[in-house]
């Protein structure tokens, strides 16, 4: 799981062009959206959906389930563990 979390952080930095951040700058349990965490927005959410599909073969059936999945890096990792196809 720790390796997956590291990979996800690196993929998020790359996909969202967050070059000013390092893997260590992203708190595994911090909110990804809103003012408390990374401050991501709806465009970033679409990028995360593409990332999951491209790297893990995961397709989200509807955007509403993304709200729970994309709470934190840990919640994404847990979802990927259960649903990955690649």
Protein backbone atom coordinates (compact mmCIF):
# COMPACT_ATOMS: atom_id res chain seq x y z
CA UNK A 1 0.00 0.00 0.00
CA UNK A 2 2.84 2.42 0.83
CA UNK A 3 4.37 1.89 -2.60
CA UNK A 4 1.01 2.56 -4.26
CA UNK A 5 0.60 5.77 -2.21
CA UNK A 6 4.07 6.96 -3.32
CA UNK A 7 3.25 6.17 -6.94
CA UNK A 8 -0.08 7.98 -6.73
CA UNK A 9 1.54 11.08 -5.24
CA UNK A 10 4.10 11.14 -8.06
CA UNK A 11 1.37 10.62 -10.67
CA UNK A 12 -0.77 13.39 -9.18
CA UNK A 13 2.19 15.80 -9.19
CA UNK A 14 2.88 14.92 -12.82
CA UNK A 15 -0.73 14.92 -14.06
CA UNK A 16 -1.62 18.22 -12.38
CA UNK A 17 1.69 19.97 -13.10
CA UNK A 18 2.44 20.48 -9.41
CA UNK A 19 6.21 20.56 -9.95
CA UNK A 20 6.64 22.87 -6.97
CA UNK A 21 5.59 19.98 -4.72
CA UNK A 22 7.47 16.83 -3.82
CA UNK A 23 5.99 13.51 -2.74
CA UNK A 24 6.82 14.42 0.87
CA UNK A 25 4.85 17.69 0.60
CA UNK A 26 1.59 15.83 0.06
CA UNK A 27 -0.03 14.57 3.26
CA UNK A 28 -1.48 11.12 2.57
CA UNK A 29 -4.59 11.84 4.65
CA UNK A 30 -5.09 15.54 3.83
CA UNK A 31 -8.02 16.72 1.75
CA UNK A 32 -7.24 17.09 -1.93
CA UNK A 33 -10.01 19.59 -2.61
CA UNK A 34 -10.96 22.77 -0.81
CA UNK A 35 -8.87 25.25 1.13
CA UNK A 36 -7.54 22.77 3.70
CA UNK A 37 -5.58 20.48 1.43
CA UNK A 38 -4.04 20.82 -2.01
CA UNK A 39 -6.86 23.09 -3.15
CA UNK A 40 -7.70 21.10 -6.25
CA UNK A 41 -10.72 22.02 -8.38
CA UNK A 42 -13.15 20.28 -10.74
CA UNK A 43 -10.71 20.38 -13.68
CA UNK A 44 -8.17 18.60 -11.49
CA UNK A 45 -10.83 16.00 -10.64
CA UNK A 46 -11.19 15.21 -14.34
CA UNK A 47 -7.41 14.80 -14.59
CA UNK A 48 -7.51 12.37 -11.65
CA UNK A 49 -10.26 10.35 -13.35
CA UNK A 50 -8.11 10.11 -16.50
CA UNK A 51 -5.09 9.13 -14.36
CA UNK A 52 -7.01 6.23 -12.76
CA UNK A 53 -8.26 5.01 -16.11
CA UNK A 54 -4.90 5.27 -17.86
CA UNK A 55 -2.69 3.86 -15.11
CA UNK A 56 -4.98 1.39 -13.35
CA UNK A 57 -7.76 0.54 -15.81
CA UNK A 58 -10.38 2.00 -13.48
CA UNK A 59 -13.43 3.69 -14.97
CA UNK A 60 -15.69 5.68 -12.69
CA UNK A 61 -19.32 5.00 -13.50
CA UNK A 62 -20.42 8.45 -12.40
CA UNK A 63 -18.79 11.60 -11.11
CA UNK A 64 -20.63 11.49 -7.78
CA UNK A 65 -18.62 8.48 -6.62
CA UNK A 66 -15.48 10.51 -7.22
CA UNK A 67 -16.29 12.70 -4.25
CA UNK A 68 -15.61 9.84 -1.81
CA UNK A 69 -12.74 8.37 -3.78
CA UNK A 70 -10.85 11.65 -4.14
CA UNK A 71 -11.02 12.74 -0.49
CA UNK A 72 -7.32 12.04 0.05
CA UNK A 73 -4.41 10.16 -1.47
CA UNK A 74 -5.13 7.32 0.98
CA UNK A 75 -8.77 7.04 -0.16
CA UNK A 76 -7.64 6.91 -3.79
CA UNK A 77 -5.07 4.21 -2.94
CA UNK A 78 -7.69 2.13 -1.13
CA UNK A 79 -10.04 2.40 -4.09
CA UNK A 80 -7.28 1.46 -6.53
CA UNK A 81 -6.29 -1.57 -4.40
CA UNK A 82 -9.84 -2.91 -4.60
CA UNK A 83 -10.63 -2.02 -8.21
CA UNK A 84 -7.44 -1.96 -10.28
CA UNK A 85 -7.44 -3.85 -13.55
CA UNK A 86 -3.78 -3.19 -14.47
